Amino acid sequence: MADTLLTNVTSEVASELPIKNIDVNLIVYIISIIVIAYVLTWLLSFILIHVSERIGWYRTSITMTIPLLKLLVYIVALYYIIIAVIEPSLTQMIAFSGLFGAAIGFGLKDLFADIVGGVVIIFEKPYQIGDKVTIDDKYGEVKDIGIRSTRIQTPADELVSIPNFTLFSRPVTSGNAGDLAMMIVIDLFIHPSSDAEKAMKILKEALVTSKYVIISKKYPYTVLLEDFPFYKRVRAKGYVNDLRLEFEFKSEVTRRAWGEFQKEGILPPSFVPPSGTLRGEPPQTST
């Protein structure tokens, strides 16, 4: 039923518009428009990314103009392709828009959903290029926001393409919301008999003296203690001055804190809590 209706819509579109004769010159012209659009978007991305690296603190603001410029280039390219194939009047153009929209709804709805998702991301900015995000179960740095998909680079250096329509059906979390700094949570687990007060002071000192930390009224820090049946958790929360240094920051603070723990006789717990206990739920012991 849907295929038949789509065929009828397509036939109606063709009959409503004065489509030009397709020849070699027209095909070459269309291909050249596509190539020019691709090269132009690549060149703009290349220039803006290199400029943003020199800007420093405003890096994410510069890179977020990239998807907007891509969208404008694609729209202009599509316009030139349309007028190269057809010569519509205003009335015919309105009719074409309605019929083309119906054709998209039946035959290209997934692709259209990705495009709409891309436009929403560009203007609503739930995340930006350079942000650290979690989309569905994928975490990493946003490397590119395209018309059809978003590409993120995971900590394992994998480049993952995620369809833009995912924005409408899956939770999306941004760790820095367009800011260059990002809060990092560092959890250290110690034996319940260890001196927790001293452990908190050591972790605080390791945090505030880190070369990667930024501390101000806007970027505060804190050190917390939580007691569980079989261990104590000392948690530090602070902002790394560049989100790309997330893991270096966490590693440095952890290494320095544990070095001091050993000197002060602060011992680790008898077992390592399983991952997934960062929200505070006690780990399950095995029998």
Protein backbone atom coordinates (compact mmCIF):
# COMPACT_ATOMS: atom_id res chain seq x y z
CA MET A 1 0.00 0.00 0.00
CA ALA A 2 2.76 2.43 1.03
CA ASP A 3 4.88 1.54 -2.04
CA THR A 4 1.94 2.17 -4.36
CA LEU A 5 1.20 5.52 -2.74
CA LEU A 6 4.87 6.49 -2.96
CA THR A 7 4.89 5.63 -6.68
CA ASN A 8 1.79 7.76 -7.23
CA VAL A 9 3.33 10.68 -5.34
CA THR A 10 6.53 10.42 -7.38
CA SER A 11 4.58 10.37 -10.64
CA GLU A 12 2.62 13.40 -9.53
CA VAL A 13 5.81 15.28 -8.70
CA ALA A 14 7.21 14.52 -12.15
CA SER A 15 4.02 15.61 -13.91
CA GLU A 16 3.72 18.87 -11.98
CA LEU A 17 7.16 20.22 -12.81
CA PRO A 18 8.94 21.04 -16.08
CA ILE A 19 11.94 18.76 -15.66
CA LYS A 20 14.83 19.47 -18.05
CA ASN A 21 16.30 16.86 -20.32
CA ILE A 22 19.01 14.91 -18.52
CA ASP A 23 22.23 14.94 -20.56
CA VAL A 24 25.94 14.51 -19.89
CA ASN A 25 26.52 18.23 -19.29
CA LEU A 26 23.79 18.37 -16.66
CA ILE A 27 25.15 15.30 -14.88
CA VAL A 28 28.66 16.77 -14.87
CA TYR A 29 27.26 20.06 -13.55
CA ILE A 30 25.45 18.32 -10.68
CA ILE A 31 28.51 16.24 -9.80
CA SER A 32 30.67 19.38 -9.80
CA ILE A 33 28.26 21.10 -7.37
CA ILE A 34 28.44 18.10 -5.03
CA VAL A 35 32.24 18.00 -5.21
CA ILE A 36 32.55 21.75 -4.62
CA ALA A 37 30.19 21.53 -1.63
CA TYR A 38 32.17 18.64 -0.16
CA VAL A 39 35.55 20.35 -0.66
CA LEU A 40 34.22 23.63 0.73
CA THR A 41 32.84 22.02 3.90
CA TRP A 42 36.09 20.09 4.39
CA LEU A 43 38.16 23.25 3.91
CA LEU A 44 36.00 25.29 6.30
CA SER A 45 36.20 22.54 8.92
CA PHE A 46 39.98 22.27 8.54
CA ILE A 47 40.52 26.04 8.89
CA LEU A 48 38.15 26.53 11.82
CA ILE A 49 39.52 23.54 13.76
CA HIS A 50 43.08 24.87 13.42
CA VAL A 51 41.95 28.39 14.38
CA SER A 52 40.08 27.02 17.41
CA GLU A 53 43.23 25.25 18.64
CA ARG A 54 44.98 28.63 18.75
CA ILE A 55 42.08 30.37 20.49
CA GLY A 56 42.31 28.07 23.52
CA TRP A 57 39.56 28.82 26.02
CA TYR A 58 36.98 29.67 23.30
CA ARG A 59 37.74 26.56 21.27
CA THR A 60 34.26 25.03 21.54
CA SER A 61 32.56 28.30 20.49
CA ILE A 62 34.57 28.37 17.26
CA THR A 63 34.10 24.70 16.41
CA MET A 64 30.32 24.92 16.89
CA THR A 65 30.10 27.17 13.82
CA ILE A 66 31.31 24.26 11.68
CA PRO A 67 28.00 22.30 11.50
CA LEU A 68 26.07 25.53 10.87
CA LEU A 69 28.33 26.44 7.94
CA LYS A 70 28.02 22.88 6.62
CA LEU A 71 24.24 23.16 6.71
CA LEU A 72 24.30 26.45 4.80
CA VAL A 73 26.62 25.02 2.14
CA TYR A 74 24.42 21.94 1.70
CA ILE A 75 21.28 24.07 1.38
CA VAL A 76 22.87 26.28 -1.28
CA ALA A 77 24.17 23.22 -3.15
CA LEU A 78 20.72 21.60 -3.06
CA TYR A 79 19.15 24.80 -4.37
CA TYR A 80 21.50 24.94 -7.35
CA ILE A 81 20.90 21.27 -8.11
CA ILE A 82 17.12 21.75 -8.04
CA ILE A 83 17.13 24.77 -10.38
CA ALA A 84 19.53 22.91 -12.67
CA VAL A 85 17.05 20.05 -13.06
CA ILE A 86 13.75 21.94 -13.08
CA GLU A 87 12.51 25.43 -13.92
CA PRO A 88 9.69 25.90 -11.43
CA SER A 89 7.46 28.91 -10.95
CA LEU A 90 6.51 29.96 -7.43
CA THR A 91 3.26 27.99 -7.56
CA GLN A 92 5.02 24.92 -8.91
CA MET A 93 7.74 25.25 -6.27
CA ILE A 94 5.12 25.23 -3.52
CA ALA A 95 3.48 22.17 -5.06
CA PHE A 96 6.85 20.51 -5.39
CA SER A 97 7.67 21.17 -1.73
CA GLY A 98 4.45 19.51 -0.58
CA LEU A 99 4.80 16.51 -2.86
CA PHE A 100 8.49 16.11 -2.11
CA GLY A 101 7.72 16.22 1.60
CA ALA A 102 5.17 13.44 1.14
CA ALA A 103 7.70 11.40 -0.80
CA ILE A 104 10.25 11.84 1.99
CA GLY A 105 7.67 10.83 4.58
CA PHE A 106 7.05 7.49 2.86
CA GLY A 107 10.42 6.58 1.41
CA LEU A 108 13.19 8.43 3.26
CA LYS A 109 11.78 8.98 6.71
CA ASP A 110 14.87 7.64 8.54
CA LEU A 111 17.23 9.84 6.56
CA PHE A 112 14.91 12.80 7.02
CA ALA A 113 14.79 12.14 10.77
CA ASP A 114 18.61 12.21 10.86
CA ILE A 115 18.64 15.53 8.98
CA VAL A 116 16.04 17.05 11.31
CA GLY A 117 18.04 15.76 14.27
CA GLY A 118 21.16 17.43 12.86
CA VAL A 119 19.35 20.75 12.49
CA VAL A 120 18.03 20.50 16.07
CA ILE A 121 21.53 19.79 17.38
CA ILE A 122 22.96 22.78 15.51
CA PHE A 123 20.40 25.25 16.86
CA GLU A 124 19.43 23.78 20.25
CA LYS A 125 23.03 22.77 21.13
CA PRO A 126 22.42 19.83 23.48
CA TYR A 127 26.12 19.22 22.83
CA GLN A 128 28.83 20.84 20.75
CA ILE A 129 31.94 19.82 18.88
CA GLY A 130 34.62 19.24 21.50
CA ASP A 131 32.18 18.27 24.28
CA LYS A 132 32.56 15.09 26.28
CA VAL A 133 29.20 13.35 25.97
CA THR A 134 27.42 10.11 26.69
CA ILE A 135 24.94 9.16 23.97
CA ASP A 136 23.06 5.99 24.75
CA ASP A 137 25.93 3.83 26.09
CA LYS A 138 28.77 5.53 24.16
CA TYR A 139 31.09 8.02 25.87
CA GLY A 140 33.67 10.20 24.20
CA GLU A 141 34.58 13.55 22.66
CA VAL A 142 32.36 14.94 19.89
CA LYS A 143 34.59 15.21 16.84
CA ASP A 144 32.02 16.16 14.21
CA ILE A 145 28.31 16.98 13.91
CA GLY A 146 27.12 16.17 10.42
CA ILE A 147 23.76 16.43 8.73
CA ARG A 148 23.13 12.69 9.15
CA SER A 149 25.21 11.60 12.13
CA THR A 150 27.39 12.67 15.05
CA ARG A 151 30.86 11.20 15.41
CA ILE A 152 32.43 10.75 18.83
CA GLN A 153 35.89 9.51 19.73
CA THR A 154 35.87 7.10 22.67
CA PRO A 155 38.64 6.76 25.30
CA ALA A 156 39.73 3.64 23.38
CA ASP A 157 40.34 5.90 20.34
CA GLU A 158 37.39 4.41 18.44
CA LEU A 159 35.43 6.72 16.14
CA VAL A 160 31.71 5.98 16.57
CA SER A 161 29.03 7.36 14.25
CA ILE A 162 25.65 7.84 15.94
CA PRO A 163 22.53 8.73 13.88
CA ASN A 164 21.23 12.18 14.79
CA PHE A 165 17.67 10.94 15.34
CA THR A 166 19.03 9.17 18.45
CA LEU A 167 18.64 12.57 20.11
CA PHE A 168 14.86 12.09 20.10
CA SER A 169 14.81 8.60 21.61
CA ARG A 170 17.88 8.21 23.85
CA PRO A 171 19.26 10.18 26.81
CA VAL A 172 22.14 12.49 25.93
CA THR A 173 24.52 13.72 28.63
CA SER A 174 27.13 16.47 28.17
CA GLY A 175 29.92 16.52 30.72
CA ASN A 176 30.91 20.15 30.09
CA ALA A 177 27.97 21.79 28.22
CA GLY A 178 30.19 23.74 25.85
CA ASP A 179 32.73 24.77 28.50
CA LEU A 180 36.41 23.96 28.16
CA ALA A 181 36.64 22.90 31.83
CA MET A 182 34.85 19.78 33.07
CA MET A 183 34.15 18.32 36.49
CA ILE A 184 36.02 15.09 37.22
CA VAL A 185 35.08 12.68 40.00
CA ILE A 186 37.95 10.72 41.56
CA ASP A 187 37.07 7.85 43.90
CA LEU A 188 39.62 6.17 46.15
CA PHE A 189 38.64 3.22 48.35
CA ILE A 190 40.40 2.59 51.66
CA HIS A 191 40.22 -0.01 54.40
CA PRO A 192 37.53 0.76 57.02
CA SER A 193 40.14 0.82 59.80
CA SER A 194 42.30 3.42 57.99
CA ASP A 195 42.41 7.07 59.07
CA ALA A 196 39.70 8.58 56.83
CA GLU A 197 40.33 12.15 58.02
CA LYS A 198 43.96 11.98 56.99
CA ALA A 199 43.01 10.33 53.69
CA MET A 200 40.67 13.24 52.91
CA LYS A 201 43.42 15.78 53.61
CA ILE A 202 45.88 13.92 51.38
CA LEU A 203 43.40 13.65 48.52
CA LYS A 204 42.50 17.32 48.86
CA GLU A 205 46.17 18.30 48.69
CA ALA A 206 46.73 16.11 45.62
CA LEU A 207 43.71 17.69 43.94
CA VAL A 208 44.37 21.38 44.60
CA THR A 209 48.08 21.15 43.68
CA SER A 210 47.50 19.31 40.41
CA LYS A 211 48.85 21.06 37.32
CA TYR A 212 45.62 20.18 35.51
CA VAL A 213 43.11 21.60 37.98
CA ILE A 214 41.26 24.92 37.76
CA ILE A 215 39.80 26.37 40.96
CA SER A 216 37.62 29.47 41.21
CA LYS A 217 34.18 30.55 42.35
CA LYS A 218 32.81 29.18 39.09
CA TYR A 219 34.88 26.00 39.36
CA PRO A 220 34.78 24.84 43.00
CA TYR A 221 36.13 21.60 44.39
CA THR A 222 35.13 19.33 47.26
CA VAL A 223 36.30 16.18 49.03
CA LEU A 224 33.70 13.81 50.47
CA LEU A 225 33.71 10.69 52.60
CA GLU A 226 31.18 7.89 52.60
CA ASP A 227 31.25 4.85 54.85
CA PHE A 228 30.23 1.41 53.61
CA PRO A 229 30.17 -1.93 55.44
CA PHE A 230 33.46 -3.22 54.02
CA TYR A 231 35.31 -0.09 52.92
CA LYS A 232 35.33 3.70 52.96
CA ARG A 233 35.16 5.81 49.85
CA VAL A 234 37.03 9.11 49.63
CA ARG A 235 35.71 11.12 46.71
CA ALA A 236 37.25 14.24 45.18
CA LYS A 237 35.31 16.45 42.77
CA GLY A 238 37.21 19.10 40.85
CA TYR A 239 37.44 20.71 37.41
CA VAL A 240 40.13 19.87 34.90
CA ASN A 241 41.31 22.98 33.03
CA ASP A 242 40.96 21.28 29.63
CA LEU A 243 38.51 18.43 29.17
CA ARG A 244 40.96 16.67 26.86
CA LEU A 245 43.19 16.16 29.90
CA GLU A 246 40.45 14.30 31.78
CA PHE A 247 42.35 11.04 32.19
CA GLU A 248 45.74 12.67 32.84
CA PHE A 249 44.16 14.70 35.65
CA LYS A 250 42.50 11.68 37.23
CA SER A 251 45.65 9.58 36.91
CA GLU A 252 47.95 12.21 38.40
CA VAL A 253 45.75 12.90 41.44
CA THR A 254 45.21 9.17 42.05
CA ARG A 255 48.93 8.36 41.77
CA ARG A 256 50.05 11.14 44.12
CA ALA A 257 47.31 10.43 46.66
CA TRP A 258 48.07 6.72 46.85
CA GLY A 259 51.78 7.47 47.22
CA GLU A 260 50.99 9.51 50.33
CA PHE A 261 48.48 6.90 51.55
CA GLN A 262 51.23 4.29 51.59
CA LYS A 263 53.56 6.57 53.54
CA GLU A 264 50.85 7.21 56.15
CA GLY A 265 49.83 3.56 56.45
CA ILE A 266 46.42 4.06 54.81
CA LEU A 267 45.56 0.69 53.33
CA PRO A 268 43.27 -0.30 50.45
CA PRO A 269 40.20 -2.42 51.24
CA SER A 270 40.44 -6.20 51.23
CA PHE A 271 38.69 -6.23 47.87
CA VAL A 272 38.18 -3.75 45.03
CA PRO A 273 34.56 -2.57 44.68
CA PRO A 274 33.07 -3.45 41.31
CA SER A 275 32.46 -0.76 38.72
CA GLY A 276 29.07 0.86 38.85
CA THR A 277 29.23 1.80 42.55
CA LEU A 278 29.99 5.47 41.93
CA ARG A 279 26.47 6.49 42.87
CA GLY A 280 26.94 5.18 46.37
CA GLU A 281 25.38 1.73 46.33
CA PRO A 282 27.39 -0.85 48.31
CA PRO A 283 29.07 -3.55 46.25
CA GLN A 284 27.86 -7.10 46.31
CA THR A 285 30.23 -9.59 47.91
CA SER A 286 30.68 -12.99 46.36
CA THR A 287 30.24 -16.20 48.30
